[in-house]
């Protein structure tokens, strides 16, 4: 049997590529974004910065 036909988690056929549910441990280990400003890209022009902030605010 090919690897493509083997379902490792016993789920329905065709669901192997779907994301699995996160466990409590996964959530606890996930990084936390404390501020939207942590997403800012350095060296943006003023116009790019304004567009970026507008996109985050919408």
PDB file of N, CA and C in Angstrom:
ATOM      1  N   UNK A   1       0.850  -1.169   0.000  1.00  0.00           N
ATOM      2  CA  UNK A   1       0.000   0.000   0.000  1.00  0.00           C
ATOM      3  C   UNK A   1       0.901   1.238   0.000  1.00  0.00           C
ATOM      4  N   UNK A   2       0.570   2.212  -0.821  1.00  0.00           N
ATOM      5  CA  UNK A   2       1.383   3.418  -0.893  1.00  0.00           C
ATOM      6  C   UNK A   2       1.170   4.289   0.334  1.00  0.00           C
ATOM      7  N   UNK A   3       2.127   5.200   0.562  1.00  0.00           N
ATOM      8  CA  UNK A   3       2.006   6.125   1.690  1.00  0.00           C
ATOM      9  C   UNK A   3       0.748   6.985   1.577  1.00  0.00           C
ATOM     10  N   UNK A   4       0.360   7.296   0.353  1.00  0.00           N
ATOM     11  CA  UNK A   4      -0.816   8.144   0.149  1.00  0.00           C
ATOM     12  C   UNK A   4      -2.092   7.458   0.615  1.00  0.00           C
ATOM     13  N   UNK A   5      -2.102   6.137   0.613  1.00  0.00           N
ATOM     14  CA  UNK A   5      -3.309   5.407   0.996  1.00  0.00           C
ATOM     15  C   UNK A   5      -3.363   5.091   2.482  1.00  0.00           C
ATOM     16  N   UNK A   6      -2.284   5.363   3.197  1.00  0.00           N
ATOM     17  CA  UNK A   6      -2.247   5.056   4.628  1.00  0.00           C
ATOM     18  C   UNK A   6      -2.707   6.285   5.410  1.00  0.00           C
ATOM     19  N   UNK A   7      -3.712   6.121   6.254  1.00  0.00           N
ATOM     20  CA  UNK A   7      -4.219   7.213   7.077  1.00  0.00           C
ATOM     21  C   UNK A   7      -3.700   7.025   8.490  1.00  0.00           C
ATOM     22  N   UNK A   8      -2.772   7.904   8.902  1.00  0.00           N
ATOM     23  CA  UNK A   8      -2.109   7.740  10.181  1.00  0.00           C
ATOM     24  C   UNK A   8      -2.992   7.939  11.396  1.00  0.00           C
ATOM     25  N   UNK A   9      -4.008   8.785  11.308  1.00  0.00           N
ATOM     26  CA  UNK A   9      -4.807   9.081  12.490  1.00  0.00           C
ATOM     27  C   UNK A   9      -6.176   8.426  12.446  1.00  0.00           C
ATOM     28  N   UNK A  10      -6.435   7.617  11.458  1.00  0.00           N
ATOM     29  CA  UNK A  10      -7.696   6.900  11.404  1.00  0.00           C
ATOM     30  C   UNK A  10      -8.903   7.763  11.088  1.00  0.00           C
ATOM     31  N   UNK A  11      -8.688   8.955  10.565  1.00  0.00           N
ATOM     32  CA  UNK A  11      -9.801   9.829  10.216  1.00  0.00           C
ATOM     33  C   UNK A  11     -10.423   9.416   8.901  1.00  0.00           C
ATOM     34  N   UNK A  12     -11.499  10.060   8.525  1.00  0.00           N
ATOM     35  CA  UNK A  12     -12.148   9.745   7.258  1.00  0.00           C
ATOM     36  C   UNK A  12     -11.201   9.967   6.081  1.00  0.00           C
ATOM     37  N   UNK A  13     -11.388   9.216   5.025  1.00  0.00           N
ATOM     38  CA  UNK A  13     -10.561   9.333   3.823  1.00  0.00           C
ATOM     39  C   UNK A  13     -10.599  10.769   3.299  1.00  0.00           C
ATOM     40  N   UNK A  14      -9.446  11.304   2.945  1.00  0.00           N
ATOM     41  CA  UNK A  14      -9.365  12.631   2.362  1.00  0.00           C
ATOM     42  C   UNK A  14      -9.181  13.754   3.359  1.00  0.00           C
ATOM     43  N   UNK A  15      -9.104  13.444   4.645  1.00  0.00           N
ATOM     44  CA  UNK A  15      -8.982  14.508   5.646  1.00  0.00           C
ATOM     45  C   UNK A  15      -7.568  14.652   6.192  1.00  0.00           C
ATOM     46  N   UNK A  16      -6.622  13.866   5.709  1.00  0.00           N
ATOM     47  CA  UNK A  16      -5.266  13.900   6.257  1.00  0.00           C
ATOM     48  C   UNK A  16      -4.580  15.251   6.083  1.00  0.00           C
ATOM     49  N   UNK A  17      -4.942  16.012   5.071  1.00  0.00           N
ATOM     50  CA  UNK A  17      -4.293  17.299   4.840  1.00  0.00           C
ATOM     51  C   UNK A  17      -4.956  18.450   5.591  1.00  0.00           C
ATOM     52  N   UNK A  18      -6.089  18.192   6.233  1.00  0.00           N
ATOM     53  CA  UNK A  18      -6.768  19.229   7.001  1.00  0.00           C
ATOM     54  C   UNK A  18      -6.052  19.442   8.329  1.00  0.00           C
ATOM     55  N   UNK A  19      -6.071  20.671   8.844  1.00  0.00           N
ATOM     56  CA  UNK A  19      -5.425  20.906  10.137  1.00  0.00           C
ATOM     57  C   UNK A  19      -6.163  20.171  11.247  1.00  0.00           C
ATOM     58  N   UNK A  20      -5.412  19.725  12.227  1.00  0.00           N
ATOM     59  CA  UNK A  20      -6.025  19.032  13.358  1.00  0.00           C
ATOM     60  C   UNK A  20      -6.421  20.060  14.411  1.00  0.00           C
ATOM     61  N   UNK A  21      -7.288  19.674  15.321  1.00  0.00           N
ATOM     62  CA  UNK A  21      -7.661  20.551  16.425  1.00  0.00           C
ATOM     63  C   UNK A  21      -6.465  20.732  17.351  1.00  0.00           C
ATOM     64  N   UNK A  22      -6.311  21.934  17.876  1.00  0.00           N
ATOM     65  CA  UNK A  22      -5.219  22.190  18.811  1.00  0.00           C
ATOM     66  C   UNK A  22      -5.581  21.666  20.189  1.00  0.00           C
ATOM     67  N   UNK A  23      -4.593  21.142  20.866  1.00  0.00           N
ATOM     68  CA  UNK A  23      -4.799  20.661  22.230  1.00  0.00           C
ATOM     69  C   UNK A  23      -4.560  21.813  23.199  1.00  0.00           C
ATOM     70  N   UNK A  24      -4.891  21.621  24.464  1.00  0.00           N
ATOM     71  CA  UNK A  24      -4.613  22.638  25.481  1.00  0.00           C
ATOM     72  C   UNK A  24      -3.121  22.929  25.557  1.00  0.00           C
ATOM     73  N   UNK A  25      -2.303  21.896  25.371  1.00  0.00           N
ATOM     74  CA  UNK A  25      -0.851  22.085  25.397  1.00  0.00           C
ATOM     75  C   UNK A  25      -0.386  22.926  24.212  1.00  0.00           C
ATOM     76  N   UNK A  26      -1.000  22.728  23.042  1.00  0.00           N
ATOM     77  CA  UNK A  26      -0.668  23.536  21.868  1.00  0.00           C
ATOM     78  C   UNK A  26      -0.979  25.006  22.122  1.00  0.00           C
ATOM     79  N   UNK A  27      -2.161  25.269  22.699  1.00  0.00           N
ATOM     80  CA  UNK A  27      -2.533  26.650  22.999  1.00  0.00           C
ATOM     81  C   UNK A  27      -1.585  27.270  24.019  1.00  0.00           C
ATOM     82  N   UNK A  28      -1.212  26.517  25.037  1.00  0.00           N
ATOM     83  CA  UNK A  28      -0.317  27.033  26.074  1.00  0.00           C
ATOM     84  C   UNK A  28       1.063  27.345  25.509  1.00  0.00           C
ATOM     85  N   UNK A  29       1.507  26.599  24.507  1.00  0.00           N
ATOM     86  CA  UNK A  29       2.838  26.789  23.932  1.00  0.00           C
ATOM     87  C   UNK A  29       2.859  27.836  22.819  1.00  0.00           C
ATOM     88  N   UNK A  30       1.698  28.284  22.380  1.00  0.00           N
ATOM     89  CA  UNK A  30       1.630  29.235  21.269  1.00  0.00           C
ATOM     90  C   UNK A  30       2.139  30.606  21.700  1.00  0.00           C
ATOM     91  N   UNK A  31       2.836  31.293  20.794  1.00  0.00           N
ATOM     92  CA  UNK A  31       3.293  32.645  21.126  1.00  0.00           C
ATOM     93  C   UNK A  31       2.100  33.596  21.242  1.00  0.00           C
ATOM     94  N   UNK A  32       2.239  34.605  22.064  1.00  0.00           N
ATOM     95  CA  UNK A  32       1.172  35.572  22.295  1.00  0.00           C
ATOM     96  C   UNK A  32       1.614  36.918  21.736  1.00  0.00           C
ATOM     97  N   UNK A  33       0.767  37.506  20.924  1.00  0.00           N
ATOM     98  CA  UNK A  33       1.027  38.831  20.374  1.00  0.00           C
ATOM     99  C   UNK A  33       0.510  39.849  21.376  1.00  0.00           C
ATOM    100  N   UNK A  34       1.409  40.598  21.986  1.00  0.00           N
ATOM    101  CA  UNK A  34       1.010  41.544  23.023  1.00  0.00           C
ATOM    102  C   UNK A  34       0.554  42.878  22.454  1.00  0.00           C
ATOM    103  N   UNK A  35       0.960  43.179  21.237  1.00  0.00           N
ATOM    104  CA  UNK A  35       0.595  44.447  20.633  1.00  0.00           C
ATOM    105  C   UNK A  35       0.638  44.311  19.115  1.00  0.00           C
ATOM    106  N   UNK A  36      -0.265  45.007  18.444  1.00  0.00           N
ATOM    107  CA  UNK A  36      -0.213  45.016  16.985  1.00  0.00           C
ATOM    108  C   UNK A  36       1.061  45.665  16.481  1.00  0.00           C
ATOM    109  N   UNK A  37       1.652  46.512  17.282  1.00  0.00           N
ATOM    110  CA  UNK A  37       2.885  47.171  16.878  1.00  0.00           C
ATOM    111  C   UNK A  37       4.045  46.192  16.776  1.00  0.00           C
ATOM    112  N   UNK A  38       3.912  45.005  17.373  1.00  0.00           N
ATOM    113  CA  UNK A  38       4.930  43.967  17.212  1.00  0.00           C
ATOM    114  C   UNK A  38       4.993  43.468  15.772  1.00  0.00           C
ATOM    115  N   UNK A  39       3.936  43.724  15.007  1.00  0.00           N
ATOM    116  CA  UNK A  39       3.896  43.299  13.612  1.00  0.00           C
ATOM    117  C   UNK A  39       4.546  44.304  12.666  1.00  0.00           C
ATOM    118  N   UNK A  40       4.882  45.466  13.158  1.00  0.00           N
ATOM    119  CA  UNK A  40       5.408  46.520  12.293  1.00  0.00           C
ATOM    120  C   UNK A  40       6.687  46.087  11.595  1.00  0.00           C
ATOM    121  N   UNK A  41       6.812  46.501  10.361  1.00  0.00           N
ATOM    122  CA  UNK A  41       7.978  46.202   9.541  1.00  0.00           C
ATOM    123  C   UNK A  41       8.868  47.436   9.557  1.00  0.00           C
ATOM    124  N   UNK A  42      10.131  47.232   9.873  1.00  0.00           N
ATOM    125  CA  UNK A  42      11.050  48.368   9.914  1.00  0.00           C
ATOM    126  C   UNK A  42      11.288  48.900   8.504  1.00  0.00           C
ATOM    127  N   UNK A  43      11.680  50.142   8.428  1.00  0.00           N
ATOM    128  CA  UNK A  43      12.052  50.809   7.177  1.00  0.00           C
ATOM    129  C   UNK A  43      10.888  51.011   6.213  1.00  0.00           C
ATOM    130  N   UNK A  44       9.669  51.142   6.732  1.00  0.00           N
ATOM    131  CA  UNK A  44       8.539  51.479   5.874  1.00  0.00           C
ATOM    132  C   UNK A  44       8.541  52.974   5.611  1.00  0.00           C
ATOM    133  N   UNK A  45       8.102  53.352   4.422  1.00  0.00           N
ATOM    134  CA  UNK A  45       7.905  54.773   4.162  1.00  0.00           C
ATOM    135  C   UNK A  45       6.680  55.221   4.951  1.00  0.00           C
ATOM    136  N   UNK A  46       6.481  56.520   5.064  1.00  0.00           N
ATOM    137  CA  UNK A  46       5.310  57.028   5.787  1.00  0.00           C
ATOM    138  C   UNK A  46       4.010  56.534   5.157  1.00  0.00           C
ATOM    139  N   UNK A  47       3.951  56.524   3.827  1.00  0.00           N
ATOM    140  CA  UNK A  47       2.748  56.045   3.132  1.00  0.00           C
ATOM    141  C   UNK A  47       2.520  54.556   3.389  1.00  0.00           C
ATOM    142  N   UNK A  48       3.593  53.767   3.350  1.00  0.00           N
ATOM    143  CA  UNK A  48       3.469  52.335   3.615  1.00  0.00           C
ATOM    144  C   UNK A  48       3.027  52.088   5.058  1.00  0.00           C
ATOM    145  N   UNK A  49       3.590  52.857   5.982  1.00  0.00           N
ATOM    146  CA  UNK A  49       3.220  52.726   7.397  1.00  0.00           C
ATOM    147  C   UNK A  49       1.735  53.039   7.589  1.00  0.00           C
ATOM    148  N   UNK A  50       1.279  54.148   7.001  1.00  0.00           N
ATOM    149  CA  UNK A  50      -0.132  54.526   7.121  1.00  0.00           C
ATOM    150  C   UNK A  50      -1.043  53.449   6.528  1.00  0.00           C
ATOM    151  N   UNK A  51      -0.674  52.905   5.381  1.00  0.00           N
ATOM    152  CA  UNK A  51      -1.468  51.843   4.759  1.00  0.00           C
ATOM    153  C   UNK A  51      -1.481  50.590   5.623  1.00  0.00           C
ATOM    154  N   UNK A  52      -0.349  50.275   6.221  1.00  0.00           N
ATOM    155  CA  UNK A  52      -0.245  49.100   7.083  1.00  0.00           C
ATOM    156  C   UNK A  52      -1.138  49.256   8.309  1.00  0.00           C
ATOM    157  N   UNK A  53      -1.090  50.414   8.955  1.00  0.00           N
ATOM    158  CA  UNK A  53      -1.923  50.671  10.133  1.00  0.00           C
ATOM    159  C   UNK A  53      -3.401  50.653   9.749  1.00  0.00           C
ATOM    160  N   UNK A  54      -3.741  51.224   8.602  1.00  0.00           N
ATOM    161  CA  UNK A  54      -5.134  51.194   8.135  1.00  0.00           C
ATOM    162  C   UNK A  54      -5.612  49.756   7.929  1.00  0.00           C
ATOM    163  N   UNK A  55      -4.753  48.920   7.363  1.00  0.00           N
ATOM    164  CA  UNK A  55      -5.123  47.518   7.132  1.00  0.00           C
ATOM    165  C   UNK A  55      -5.314  46.782   8.452  1.00  0.00           C
ATOM    166  N   UNK A  56      -4.483  47.056   9.436  1.00  0.00           N
ATOM    167  CA  UNK A  56      -4.626  46.412  10.741  1.00  0.00           C
ATOM    168  C   UNK A  56      -5.887  46.875  11.458  1.00  0.00           C
ATOM    169  N   UNK A  57      -6.279  48.110  11.225  1.00  0.00           N
ATOM    170  CA  UNK A  57      -7.433  48.683  11.917  1.00  0.00           C
ATOM    171  C   UNK A  57      -8.763  48.249  11.307  1.00  0.00           C
ATOM    172  N   UNK A  58      -8.736  47.764  10.088  1.00  0.00           N
ATOM    173  CA  UNK A  58     -10.004  47.410   9.422  1.00  0.00           C
ATOM    174  C   UNK A  58     -10.439  46.001   9.719  1.00  0.00           C
TER     175      UNK A  58
END
